[in-house]
Every structure is written in C-alpha cells, then in structure tokens.
Amino acid sequence: MWTVQEAKSKLSEVLDRARKGKAQIVGTRDPCVVISLAEYERLRGRDGDEPHLGKWLVENAPRGFELELPPRGDDRPDPFAWFDDLAAPGARRSRKSREAKTGGKGRA
C-alpha cells in the first residue's frame, strides 16, 4: 500500500507494477486501486462492443406471450405512494391527507 505522497513521488514505479499485473493500492483514508487498462477491461468483461443497456434490454426481452399492461386511466392508484412515507419519516401523511392533496385519486 502506497501513501498518496509516496505514489506521487514514485508514479512511474506504481504504473510499472500495475502494468505487470500487480494491483497497486494508493491512499490510507479512502484507498484506490491502480491497475492496467488491459486488466480493467478484462474485469469489466468489455471487448469494446459492449451494447447500450437499452439495446440489450430490447434484444433480450422475453418473447412469445402477451404482456398484460396496467390501465392508463386517471383513476388508477399511485404505485409510489408508499415511497412518500419512506422518503420523509418524520412527515408521515395519513391516507386522508394524501387523498385531499391528490383529489382522491391517489396521485400527487
């Protein structure tokens, strides 16, 4: 493990060791690891043609059955209403106060 000061003064040595396959840890309070680019790409499993997440999802979506979608009307409940209570633990709202705020539709 290198201190930041040591790594600065011996950067060439840190990089040489990383290129030779020996990961170098720099820093003591919030350490970071220096590795070669080849090792980084190997660890990520990247060959340079990594697809975009959206493209991957479309290409790997299940096929051959009908997907039942929820209704799109204004009267459907808010699926994230429970999150309001979690986001502000000290400010829990009752169902009546949520309905008053949303006009009884369950959404903000």
PDB file of N, CA and C in Angstrom:
ATOM      1  N   MET A   1       0.850  -1.171   0.000  1.00  0.00           N
ATOM      2  CA  MET A   1       0.000   0.000   0.000  1.00  0.00           C
ATOM      3  C   MET A   1       0.898   1.237   0.000  1.00  0.00           C
ATOM      4  N   TRP A   2       0.599   2.139  -0.912  1.00  0.00           N
ATOM      5  CA  TRP A   2       1.341   3.390  -1.033  1.00  0.00           C
ATOM      6  C   TRP A   2       0.561   4.508  -0.361  1.00  0.00           C
ATOM      7  N   THR A   3       1.261   5.420   0.276  1.00  0.00           N
ATOM      8  CA  THR A   3       0.607   6.654   0.701  1.00  0.00           C
ATOM      9  C   THR A   3       0.493   7.506  -0.560  1.00  0.00           C
ATOM     10  N   VAL A   4      -0.367   8.476  -0.523  1.00  0.00           N
ATOM     11  CA  VAL A   4      -0.530   9.344  -1.695  1.00  0.00           C
ATOM     12  C   VAL A   4       0.786  10.053  -2.003  1.00  0.00           C
ATOM     13  N   GLN A   5       1.452  10.499  -0.971  1.00  0.00           N
ATOM     14  CA  GLN A   5       2.727  11.192  -1.147  1.00  0.00           C
ATOM     15  C   GLN A   5       3.755  10.293  -1.832  1.00  0.00           C
ATOM     16  N   GLU A   6       3.870   9.022  -1.377  1.00  0.00           N
ATOM     17  CA  GLU A   6       4.802   8.070  -1.993  1.00  0.00           C
ATOM     18  C   GLU A   6       4.425   7.811  -3.455  1.00  0.00           C
ATOM     19  N   ALA A   7       3.128   7.622  -3.694  1.00  0.00           N
ATOM     20  CA  ALA A   7       2.669   7.339  -5.054  1.00  0.00           C
ATOM     21  C   ALA A   7       2.967   8.506  -5.993  1.00  0.00           C
ATOM     22  N   LYS A   8       2.829   9.736  -5.491  1.00  0.00           N
ATOM     23  CA  LYS A   8       3.156  10.904  -6.307  1.00  0.00           C
ATOM     24  C   LYS A   8       4.633  10.920  -6.675  1.00  0.00           C
ATOM     25  N   SER A   9       5.467  10.657  -5.695  1.00  0.00           N
ATOM     26  CA  SER A   9       6.905  10.747  -5.943  1.00  0.00           C
ATOM     27  C   SER A   9       7.421   9.557  -6.756  1.00  0.00           C
ATOM     28  N   LYS A  10       6.710   8.437  -6.747  1.00  0.00           N
ATOM     29  CA  LYS A  10       7.149   7.244  -7.473  1.00  0.00           C
ATOM     30  C   LYS A  10       6.088   6.760  -8.448  1.00  0.00           C
ATOM     31  N   LEU A  11       5.443   7.696  -9.120  1.00  0.00           N
ATOM     32  CA  LEU A  11       4.345   7.360 -10.024  1.00  0.00           C
ATOM     33  C   LEU A  11       4.778   6.378 -11.102  1.00  0.00           C
ATOM     34  N   SER A  12       5.956   6.560 -11.661  1.00  0.00           N
ATOM     35  CA  SER A  12       6.436   5.640 -12.699  1.00  0.00           C
ATOM     36  C   SER A  12       6.501   4.212 -12.175  1.00  0.00           C
ATOM     37  N   GLU A  13       6.961   4.040 -10.953  1.00  0.00           N
ATOM     38  CA  GLU A  13       7.052   2.703 -10.366  1.00  0.00           C
ATOM     39  C   GLU A  13       5.662   2.113 -10.111  1.00  0.00           C
ATOM     40  N   VAL A  14       4.749   2.942  -9.631  1.00  0.00           N
ATOM     41  CA  VAL A  14       3.372   2.492  -9.405  1.00  0.00           C
ATOM     42  C   VAL A  14       2.771   1.995 -10.714  1.00  0.00           C
ATOM     43  N   LEU A  15       2.949   2.769 -11.784  1.00  0.00           N
ATOM     44  CA  LEU A  15       2.394   2.391 -13.083  1.00  0.00           C
ATOM     45  C   LEU A  15       3.073   1.147 -13.649  1.00  0.00           C
ATOM     46  N   ASP A  16       4.383   1.042 -13.510  1.00  0.00           N
ATOM     47  CA  ASP A  16       5.103  -0.150 -13.993  1.00  0.00           C
ATOM     48  C   ASP A  16       4.593  -1.414 -13.303  1.00  0.00           C
ATOM     49  N   ARG A  17       4.416  -1.358 -12.005  1.00  0.00           N
ATOM     50  CA  ARG A  17       3.919  -2.521 -11.259  1.00  0.00           C
ATOM     51  C   ARG A  17       2.497  -2.888 -11.696  1.00  0.00           C
ATOM     52  N   ALA A  18       1.672  -1.864 -11.907  1.00  0.00           N
ATOM     53  CA  ALA A  18       0.299  -2.123 -12.354  1.00  0.00           C
ATOM     54  C   ALA A  18       0.301  -2.769 -13.738  1.00  0.00           C
ATOM     55  N   ARG A  19       1.162  -2.290 -14.632  1.00  0.00           N
ATOM     56  CA  ARG A  19       1.255  -2.866 -15.981  1.00  0.00           C
ATOM     57  C   ARG A  19       1.722  -4.320 -15.954  1.00  0.00           C
ATOM     58  N   LYS A  20       2.485  -4.674 -14.934  1.00  0.00           N
ATOM     59  CA  LYS A  20       2.984  -6.044 -14.802  1.00  0.00           C
ATOM     60  C   LYS A  20       1.976  -6.959 -14.109  1.00  0.00           C
ATOM     61  N   GLY A  21       0.774  -6.448 -13.875  1.00  0.00           N
ATOM     62  CA  GLY A  21      -0.285  -7.276 -13.307  1.00  0.00           C
ATOM     63  C   GLY A  21      -0.411  -7.226 -11.811  1.00  0.00           C
ATOM     64  N   LYS A  22       0.325  -6.342 -11.156  1.00  0.00           N
ATOM     65  CA  LYS A  22       0.250  -6.225  -9.703  1.00  0.00           C
ATOM     66  C   LYS A  22      -0.555  -4.973  -9.345  1.00  0.00           C
ATOM     67  N   ALA A  23      -1.767  -5.166  -8.867  1.00  0.00           N
ATOM     68  CA  ALA A  23      -2.612  -4.031  -8.495  1.00  0.00           C
ATOM     69  C   ALA A  23      -1.927  -3.232  -7.383  1.00  0.00           C
ATOM     70  N   GLN A  24      -1.970  -1.912  -7.506  1.00  0.00           N
ATOM     71  CA  GLN A  24      -1.325  -1.026  -6.541  1.00  0.00           C
ATOM     72  C   GLN A  24      -2.385  -0.249  -5.768  1.00  0.00           C
ATOM     73  N   ILE A  25      -2.328  -0.331  -4.453  1.00  0.00           N
ATOM     74  CA  ILE A  25      -3.280   0.379  -3.603  1.00  0.00           C
ATOM     75  C   ILE A  25      -2.638   1.691  -3.172  1.00  0.00           C
ATOM     76  N   VAL A  26      -3.373   2.772  -3.408  1.00  0.00           N
ATOM     77  CA  VAL A  26      -2.864   4.103  -3.090  1.00  0.00           C
ATOM     78  C   VAL A  26      -3.832   4.779  -2.132  1.00  0.00           C
ATOM     79  N   GLY A  27      -3.279   5.285  -1.028  1.00  0.00           N
ATOM     80  CA  GLY A  27      -4.082   6.015  -0.048  1.00  0.00           C
ATOM     81  C   GLY A  27      -4.406   5.148   1.145  1.00  0.00           C
ATOM     82  N   THR A  28      -4.576   5.797   2.284  1.00  0.00           N
ATOM     83  CA  THR A  28      -4.888   5.062   3.504  1.00  0.00           C
ATOM     84  C   THR A  28      -6.285   5.380   4.021  1.00  0.00           C
ATOM     85  N   ARG A  29      -6.720   6.618   3.859  1.00  0.00           N
ATOM     86  CA  ARG A  29      -8.027   7.004   4.383  1.00  0.00           C
ATOM     87  C   ARG A  29      -9.156   6.497   3.486  1.00  0.00           C
ATOM     88  N   ASP A  30      -9.061   6.711   2.190  1.00  0.00           N
ATOM     89  CA  ASP A  30     -10.050   6.236   1.217  1.00  0.00           C
ATOM     90  C   ASP A  30      -9.267   5.647   0.051  1.00  0.00           C
ATOM     91  N   PRO A  31      -8.714   4.433   0.218  1.00  0.00           N
ATOM     92  CA  PRO A  31      -7.782   3.886  -0.774  1.00  0.00           C
ATOM     93  C   PRO A  31      -8.414   3.649  -2.136  1.00  0.00           C
ATOM     94  N   CYS A  32      -7.568   3.765  -3.155  1.00  0.00           N
ATOM     95  CA  CYS A  32      -7.942   3.484  -4.538  1.00  0.00           C
ATOM     96  C   CYS A  32      -6.965   2.446  -5.080  1.00  0.00           C
ATOM     97  N   VAL A  33      -7.353   1.794  -6.153  1.00  0.00           N
ATOM     98  CA  VAL A  33      -6.515   0.758  -6.741  1.00  0.00           C
ATOM     99  C   VAL A  33      -6.112   1.190  -8.147  1.00  0.00           C
ATOM    100  N   VAL A  34      -4.822   1.033  -8.455  1.00  0.00           N
ATOM    101  CA  VAL A  34      -4.306   1.324  -9.788  1.00  0.00           C
ATOM    102  C   VAL A  34      -4.044  -0.015 -10.465  1.00  0.00           C
ATOM    103  N   ILE A  35      -4.699  -0.215 -11.616  1.00  0.00           N
ATOM    104  CA  ILE A  35      -4.485  -1.427 -12.411  1.00  0.00           C
ATOM    105  C   ILE A  35      -4.277  -1.007 -13.860  1.00  0.00           C
ATOM    106  N   SER A  36      -3.761  -1.909 -14.662  1.00  0.00           N
ATOM    107  CA  SER A  36      -3.547  -1.594 -16.072  1.00  0.00           C
ATOM    108  C   SER A  36      -4.894  -1.502 -16.789  1.00  0.00           C
ATOM    109  N   LEU A  37      -4.900  -0.835 -17.925  1.00  0.00           N
ATOM    110  CA  LEU A  37      -6.116  -0.727 -18.728  1.00  0.00           C
ATOM    111  C   LEU A  37      -6.568  -2.109 -19.188  1.00  0.00           C
ATOM    112  N   ALA A  38      -5.621  -2.971 -19.559  1.00  0.00           N
ATOM    113  CA  ALA A  38      -5.977  -4.321 -20.004  1.00  0.00           C
ATOM    114  C   ALA A  38      -6.687  -5.087 -18.881  1.00  0.00           C
ATOM    115  N   GLU A  39      -6.188  -4.964 -17.657  1.00  0.00           N
ATOM    116  CA  GLU A  39      -6.804  -5.649 -16.524  1.00  0.00           C
ATOM    117  C   GLU A  39      -8.184  -5.067 -16.233  1.00  0.00           C
ATOM    118  N   TYR A  40      -8.308  -3.765 -16.331  1.00  0.00           N
ATOM    119  CA  TYR A  40      -9.594  -3.103 -16.114  1.00  0.00           C
ATOM    120  C   TYR A  40     -10.634  -3.607 -17.109  1.00  0.00           C
ATOM    121  N   GLU A  41     -10.266  -3.655 -18.378  1.00  0.00           N
ATOM    122  CA  GLU A  41     -11.207  -4.121 -19.402  1.00  0.00           C
ATOM    123  C   GLU A  41     -11.534  -5.602 -19.218  1.00  0.00           C
ATOM    124  N   ARG A  42     -10.557  -6.394 -18.788  1.00  0.00           N
ATOM    125  CA  ARG A  42     -10.821  -7.809 -18.531  1.00  0.00           C
ATOM    126  C   ARG A  42     -11.831  -7.968 -17.395  1.00  0.00           C
ATOM    127  N   LEU A  43     -11.645  -7.190 -16.335  1.00  0.00           N
ATOM    128  CA  LEU A  43     -12.547  -7.275 -15.193  1.00  0.00           C
ATOM    129  C   LEU A  43     -13.960  -6.821 -15.540  1.00  0.00           C
ATOM    130  N   ARG A  44     -14.063  -5.848 -16.385  1.00  0.00           N
ATOM    131  CA  ARG A  44     -15.382  -5.363 -16.805  1.00  0.00           C
ATOM    132  C   ARG A  44     -16.024  -6.283 -17.822  1.00  0.00           C
ATOM    133  N   GLY A  45     -15.231  -7.170 -18.428  1.00  0.00           N
ATOM    134  CA  GLY A  45     -15.785  -8.060 -19.441  1.00  0.00           C
ATOM    135  C   GLY A  45     -16.119  -7.320 -20.714  1.00  0.00           C
ATOM    136  N   ARG A  46     -15.382  -6.282 -20.963  1.00  0.00           N
ATOM    137  CA  ARG A  46     -15.673  -5.418 -22.108  1.00  0.00           C
ATOM    138  C   ARG A  46     -14.717  -5.704 -23.244  1.00  0.00           C
ATOM    139  N   ASP A  47     -15.274  -5.867 -24.427  1.00  0.00           N
ATOM    140  CA  ASP A  47     -14.434  -6.091 -25.599  1.00  0.00           C
ATOM    141  C   ASP A  47     -14.490  -4.905 -26.561  1.00  0.00           C
ATOM    142  N   GLY A  48     -15.037  -3.811 -26.113  1.00  0.00           N
ATOM    143  CA  GLY A  48     -15.129  -2.625 -26.955  1.00  0.00           C
ATOM    144  C   GLY A  48     -16.458  -2.502 -27.673  1.00  0.00           C
ATOM    145  N   ASP A  49     -17.204  -3.594 -27.782  1.00  0.00           N
ATOM    146  CA  ASP A  49     -18.502  -3.578 -28.469  1.00  0.00           C
ATOM    147  C   ASP A  49     -19.646  -3.814 -27.499  1.00  0.00           C
ATOM    148  N   GLU A  50     -19.478  -3.373 -26.286  1.00  0.00           N
ATOM    149  CA  GLU A  50     -20.498  -3.572 -25.274  1.00  0.00           C
ATOM    150  C   GLU A  50     -21.764  -2.821 -25.678  1.00  0.00           C
ATOM    151  N   PRO A  51     -22.911  -3.513 -25.726  1.00  0.00           N
ATOM    152  CA  PRO A  51     -24.139  -2.839 -26.166  1.00  0.00           C
ATOM    153  C   PRO A  51     -24.668  -1.874 -25.113  1.00  0.00           C
ATOM    154  N   HIS A  52     -25.401  -0.915 -25.565  1.00  0.00           N
ATOM    155  CA  HIS A  52     -26.086   0.023 -24.699  1.00  0.00           C
ATOM    156  C   HIS A  52     -27.140  -0.753 -23.912  1.00  0.00           C
ATOM    157  N   LEU A  53     -27.368  -0.398 -22.638  1.00  0.00           N
ATOM    158  CA  LEU A  53     -28.300  -1.131 -21.802  1.00  0.00           C
ATOM    159  C   LEU A  53     -29.685  -1.214 -22.443  1.00  0.00           C
ATOM    160  N   GLY A  54     -30.172  -0.117 -22.989  1.00  0.00           N
ATOM    161  CA  GLY A  54     -31.490  -0.122 -23.621  1.00  0.00           C
ATOM    162  C   GLY A  54     -31.552  -1.098 -24.786  1.00  0.00           C
ATOM    163  N   LYS A  55     -30.505  -1.111 -25.598  1.00  0.00           N
ATOM    164  CA  LYS A  55     -30.448  -2.039 -26.728  1.00  0.00           C
ATOM    165  C   LYS A  55     -30.427  -3.480 -26.229  1.00  0.00           C
ATOM    166  N   TRP A  56     -29.643  -3.738 -25.171  1.00  0.00           N
ATOM    167  CA  TRP A  56     -29.573  -5.081 -24.621  1.00  0.00           C
ATOM    168  C   TRP A  56     -30.940  -5.531 -24.107  1.00  0.00           C
ATOM    169  N   LEU A  57     -31.657  -4.640 -23.411  1.00  0.00           N
ATOM    170  CA  LEU A  57     -32.968  -4.989 -22.879  1.00  0.00           C
ATOM    171  C   LEU A  57     -33.946  -5.335 -23.996  1.00  0.00           C
ATOM    172  N   VAL A  58     -33.931  -4.561 -25.071  1.00  0.00           N
ATOM    173  CA  VAL A  58     -34.819  -4.837 -26.200  1.00  0.00           C
ATOM    174  C   VAL A  58     -34.456  -6.168 -26.845  1.00  0.00           C
ATOM    175  N   GLU A  59     -33.163  -6.407 -27.048  1.00  0.00           N
ATOM    176  CA  GLU A  59     -32.726  -7.641 -27.701  1.00  0.00           C
ATOM    177  C   GLU A  59     -32.973  -8.877 -26.843  1.00  0.00           C
ATOM    178  N   ASN A  60     -32.996  -8.736 -25.524  1.00  0.00           N
ATOM    179  CA  ASN A  60     -33.139  -9.879 -24.633  1.00  0.00           C
ATOM    180  C   ASN A  60     -34.487  -9.956 -23.936  1.00  0.00           C
ATOM    181  N   ALA A  61     -35.456  -9.183 -24.399  1.00  0.00           N
ATOM    182  CA  ALA A  61     -36.793  -9.215 -23.806  1.00  0.00           C
ATOM    183  C   ALA A  61     -37.458 -10.555 -24.106  1.00  0.00           C
ATOM    184  N   PRO A  62     -38.219 -11.086 -23.145  1.00  0.00           N
ATOM    185  CA  PRO A  62     -38.932 -12.343 -23.399  1.00  0.00           C
ATOM    186  C   PRO A  62     -39.923 -12.165 -24.540  1.00  0.00           C
ATOM    187  N   ARG A  63     -40.072 -13.193 -25.346  1.00  0.00           N
ATOM    188  CA  ARG A  63     -40.979 -13.140 -26.495  1.00  0.00           C
ATOM    189  C   ARG A  63     -41.896 -14.362 -26.469  1.00  0.00           C
ATOM    190  N   GLY A  64     -43.011 -14.250 -27.179  1.00  0.00           N
ATOM    191  CA  GLY A  64     -43.885 -15.397 -27.352  1.00  0.00           C
ATOM    192  C   GLY A  64     -45.080 -15.434 -26.420  1.00  0.00           C
ATOM    193  N   PHE A  65     -45.319 -14.389 -25.645  1.00  0.00           N
ATOM    194  CA  PHE A  65     -46.518 -14.356 -24.807  1.00  0.00           C
ATOM    195  C   PHE A  65     -46.985 -12.920 -24.686  1.00  0.00           C
ATOM    196  N   GLU A  66     -48.254 -12.781 -24.381  1.00  0.00           N
ATOM    197  CA  GLU A  66     -48.849 -11.451 -24.231  1.00  0.00           C
ATOM    198  C   GLU A  66     -48.525 -10.891 -22.850  1.00  0.00           C
ATOM    199  N   LEU A  67     -48.154  -9.645 -22.802  1.00  0.00           N
ATOM    200  CA  LEU A  67     -47.853  -8.973 -21.552  1.00  0.00           C
ATOM    201  C   LEU A  67     -49.064  -8.134 -21.163  1.00  0.00           C
ATOM    202  N   GLU A  68     -49.585  -8.376 -19.987  1.00  0.00           N
ATOM    203  CA  GLU A  68     -50.744  -7.623 -19.524  1.00  0.00           C
ATOM    204  C   GLU A  68     -50.277  -6.306 -18.914  1.00  0.00           C
ATOM    205  N   LEU A  69     -50.677  -5.205 -19.518  1.00  0.00           N
ATOM    206  CA  LEU A  69     -50.283  -3.882 -19.049  1.00  0.00           C
ATOM    207  C   LEU A  69     -51.345  -3.313 -18.118  1.00  0.00           C
ATOM    208  N   PRO A  70     -50.947  -2.523 -17.130  1.00  0.00           N
ATOM    209  CA  PRO A  70     -51.940  -1.914 -16.230  1.00  0.00           C
ATOM    210  C   PRO A  70     -52.737  -0.852 -16.969  1.00  0.00           C
ATOM    211  N   PRO A  71     -53.923  -0.528 -16.467  1.00  0.00           N
ATOM    212  CA  PRO A  71     -54.737   0.505 -17.113  1.00  0.00           C
ATOM    213  C   PRO A  71     -54.030   1.861 -17.065  1.00  0.00           C
ATOM    214  N   ARG A  72     -54.335   2.713 -18.028  1.00  0.00           N
ATOM    215  CA  ARG A  72     -53.689   4.026 -18.115  1.00  0.00           C
ATOM    216  C   ARG A  72     -54.603   5.178 -17.718  1.00  0.00           C
ATOM    217  N   GLY A  73     -55.752   4.885 -17.147  1.00  0.00           N
ATOM    218  CA  GLY A  73     -56.699   5.927 -16.777  1.00  0.00           C
ATOM    219  C   GLY A  73     -56.230   6.746 -15.591  1.00  0.00           C
ATOM    220  N   ASP A  74     -56.879   7.901 -15.381  1.00  0.00           N
ATOM    221  CA  ASP A  74     -56.525   8.784 -14.263  1.00  0.00           C
ATOM    222  C   ASP A  74     -56.961   8.233 -12.913  1.00  0.00           C
ATOM    223  N   ASP A  75     -57.841   7.233 -12.904  1.00  0.00           N
ATOM    224  CA  ASP A  75     -58.346   6.718 -11.644  1.00  0.00           C
ATOM    225  C   ASP A  75     -57.476   5.619 -11.047  1.00  0.00           C
ATOM    226  N   ARG A  76     -56.370   5.284 -11.682  1.00  0.00           N
ATOM    227  CA  ARG A  76     -55.503   4.247 -11.115  1.00  0.00           C
ATOM    228  C   ARG A  76     -54.709   4.818  -9.939  1.00  0.00           C
ATOM    229  N   PRO A  77     -54.411   4.000  -8.938  1.00  0.00           N
ATOM    230  CA  PRO A  77     -53.678   4.489  -7.768  1.00  0.00           C
ATOM    231  C   PRO A  77     -52.205   4.750  -8.099  1.00  0.00           C
ATOM    232  N   ASP A  78     -51.597   5.586  -7.306  1.00  0.00           N
ATOM    233  CA  ASP A  78     -50.176   5.888  -7.467  1.00  0.00           C
ATOM    234  C   ASP A  78     -49.355   4.724  -6.927  1.00  0.00           C
ATOM    235  N   PRO A  79     -48.592   4.032  -7.778  1.00  0.00           N
ATOM    236  CA  PRO A  79     -47.824   2.877  -7.299  1.00  0.00           C
ATOM    237  C   PRO A  79     -46.662   3.264  -6.386  1.00  0.00           C
ATOM    238  N   PHE A  80     -46.340   4.552  -6.313  1.00  0.00           N
ATOM    239  CA  PHE A  80     -45.220   5.004  -5.494  1.00  0.00           C
ATOM    240  C   PHE A  80     -45.670   5.783  -4.266  1.00  0.00           C
ATOM    241  N   ALA A  81     -46.927   5.704  -3.922  1.00  0.00           N
ATOM    242  CA  ALA A  81     -47.440   6.439  -2.767  1.00  0.00           C
ATOM    243  C   ALA A  81     -46.732   6.023  -1.490  1.00  0.00           C
ATOM    244  N   TRP A  82     -46.380   4.759  -1.376  1.00  0.00           N
ATOM    245  CA  TRP A  82     -45.684   4.264  -0.187  1.00  0.00           C
ATOM    246  C   TRP A  82     -44.327   4.935  -0.021  1.00  0.00           C
ATOM    247  N   PHE A  83     -43.723   5.386  -1.131  1.00  0.00           N
ATOM    248  CA  PHE A  83     -42.402   5.986  -1.081  1.00  0.00           C
ATOM    249  C   PHE A  83     -42.425   7.339  -0.377  1.00  0.00           C
ATOM    250  N   ASP A  84     -43.526   8.066  -0.503  1.00  0.00           N
ATOM    251  CA  ASP A  84     -43.639   9.361   0.176  1.00  0.00           C
ATOM    252  C   ASP A  84     -43.434   9.197   1.675  1.00  0.00           C
ATOM    253  N   ASP A  85     -43.999   8.131   2.227  1.00  0.00           N
ATOM    254  CA  ASP A  85     -43.875   7.890   3.660  1.00  0.00           C
ATOM    255  C   ASP A  85     -42.453   7.520   4.045  1.00  0.00           C
ATOM    256  N   LEU A  86     -41.761   6.792   3.175  1.00  0.00           N
ATOM    257  CA  LEU A  86     -40.385   6.394   3.464  1.00  0.00           C
ATOM    258  C   LEU A  86     -39.410   7.545   3.279  1.00  0.00           C
ATOM    259  N   ALA A  87     -39.675   8.410   2.304  1.00  0.00           N
ATOM    260  CA  ALA A  87     -38.752   9.493   1.982  1.00  0.00           C
ATOM    261  C   ALA A  87     -38.659  10.509   3.115  1.00  0.00           C
ATOM    262  N   ALA A  88     -39.732  10.733   3.808  1.00  0.00           N
ATOM    263  CA  ALA A  88     -39.732  11.704   4.904  1.00  0.00           C
ATOM    264  C   ALA A  88     -40.345  11.042   6.132  1.00  0.00           C
ATOM    265  N   PRO A  89     -39.535  10.265   6.874  1.00  0.00           N
ATOM    266  CA  PRO A  89     -40.078   9.507   8.001  1.00  0.00           C
ATOM    267  C   PRO A  89     -40.774  10.376   9.046  1.00  0.00           C
ATOM    268  N   GLY A  90     -40.318  11.591   9.251  1.00  0.00           N
ATOM    269  CA  GLY A  90     -40.932  12.455  10.243  1.00  0.00           C
ATOM    270  C   GLY A  90     -42.198  13.121   9.744  1.00  0.00           C
ATOM    271  N   ALA A  91     -42.439  13.024   8.451  1.00  0.00           N
ATOM    272  CA  ALA A  91     -43.586  13.711   7.865  1.00  0.00           C
ATOM    273  C   ALA A  91     -44.568  12.716   7.263  1.00  0.00           C
ATOM    274  N   ARG A  92     -44.899  11.702   8.002  1.00  0.00           N
ATOM    275  CA  ARG A  92     -45.834  10.689   7.506  1.00  0.00           C
ATOM    276  C   ARG A  92     -47.198  11.323   7.323  1.00  0.00           C
ATOM    277  N   ARG A  93     -47.787  11.064   6.176  1.00  0.00           N
ATOM    278  CA  ARG A  93     -49.108  11.608   5.902  1.00  0.00           C
ATOM    279  C   ARG A  93     -50.142  10.502   6.009  1.00  0.00           C
ATOM    280  N   SER A  94     -51.279  10.849   6.483  1.00  0.00           N
ATOM    281  CA  SER A  94     -52.356   9.873   6.559  1.00  0.00           C
ATOM    282  C   SER A  94     -52.971   9.691   5.183  1.00  0.00           C
ATOM    283  N   ARG A  95     -53.751   8.640   5.037  1.00  0.00           N
ATOM    284  CA  ARG A  95     -54.417   8.385   3.755  1.00  0.00           C
ATOM    285  C   ARG A  95     -55.341   9.535   3.408  1.00  0.00           C
ATOM    286  N   LYS A  96     -56.061  10.062   4.423  1.00  0.00           N
ATOM    287  CA  LYS A  96     -56.974  11.175   4.167  1.00  0.00           C
ATOM    288  C   LYS A  96     -56.224  12.402   3.660  1.00  0.00           C
ATOM    289  N   SER A  97     -55.052  12.712   4.234  1.00  0.00           N
ATOM    290  CA  SER A  97     -54.316  13.894   3.788  1.00  0.00           C
ATOM    291  C   SER A  97     -53.780  13.684   2.377  1.00  0.00           C
ATOM    292  N   ARG A  98     -53.384  12.432   2.034  1.00  0.00           N
ATOM    293  CA  ARG A  98     -52.934  12.159   0.659  1.00  0.00           C
ATOM    294  C   ARG A  98     -54.083  12.309  -0.315  1.00  0.00           C
ATOM    295  N   GLU A  99     -55.259  11.795   0.074  1.00  0.00           N
ATOM    296  CA  GLU A  99     -56.415  11.893  -0.815  1.00  0.00           C
ATOM    297  C   GLU A  99     -56.837  13.343  -0.991  1.00  0.00           C
ATOM    298  N   ALA A 100     -56.741  14.136   0.074  1.00  0.00           N
ATOM    299  CA  ALA A 100     -57.096  15.545  -0.031  1.00  0.00           C
ATOM    300  C   ALA A 100     -56.139  16.264  -0.968  1.00  0.00           C
ATOM    301  N   LYS A 101     -54.871  15.930  -0.874  1.00  0.00           N
ATOM    302  CA  LYS A 101     -53.869  16.576  -1.712  1.00  0.00           C
ATOM    303  C   LYS A 101     -54.021  16.176  -3.179  1.00  0.00           C
ATOM    304  N   THR A 102     -54.423  14.924  -3.429  1.00  0.00           N
ATOM    305  CA  THR A 102     -54.493  14.423  -4.803  1.00  0.00           C
ATOM    306  C   THR A 102     -55.903  14.430  -5.359  1.00  0.00           C
ATOM    307  N   GLY A 103     -56.827  14.958  -4.623  1.00  0.00           N
ATOM    308  CA  GLY A 103     -58.211  14.979  -5.086  1.00  0.00           C
ATOM    309  C   GLY A 103     -58.861  13.609  -5.024  1.00  0.00           C
ATOM    310  N   GLY A 104     -58.366  12.738  -4.160  1.00  0.00           N
ATOM    311  CA  GLY A 104     -58.937  11.413  -4.004  1.00  0.00           C
ATOM    312  C   GLY A 104     -58.485  10.411  -5.026  1.00  0.00           C
ATOM    313  N   LYS A 105     -57.578  10.802  -5.937  1.00  0.00           N
ATOM    314  CA  LYS A 105     -57.139   9.901  -6.992  1.00  0.00           C
ATOM    315  C   LYS A 105     -55.924   9.090  -6.589  1.00  0.00           C
ATOM    316  N   GLY A 106     -55.284   9.397  -5.480  1.00  0.00           N
ATOM    317  CA  GLY A 106     -54.142   8.609  -5.027  1.00  0.00           C
ATOM    318  C   GLY A 106     -52.818   9.040  -5.612  1.00  0.00           C
ATOM    319  N   ARG A 107     -52.826  10.081  -6.441  1.00  0.00           N
ATOM    320  CA  ARG A 107     -51.574  10.563  -7.023  1.00  0.00           C
ATOM    321  C   ARG A 107     -51.349  12.017  -6.695  1.00  0.00           C
ATOM    322  N   ALA A 108     -50.073  12.403  -6.585  1.00  0.00           N
ATOM    323  CA  ALA A 108     -49.737  13.810  -6.303  1.00  0.00           C
ATOM    324  C   ALA A 108     -49.637  14.580  -7.590  1.00  0.00           C
TER     325      ALA A 108
END
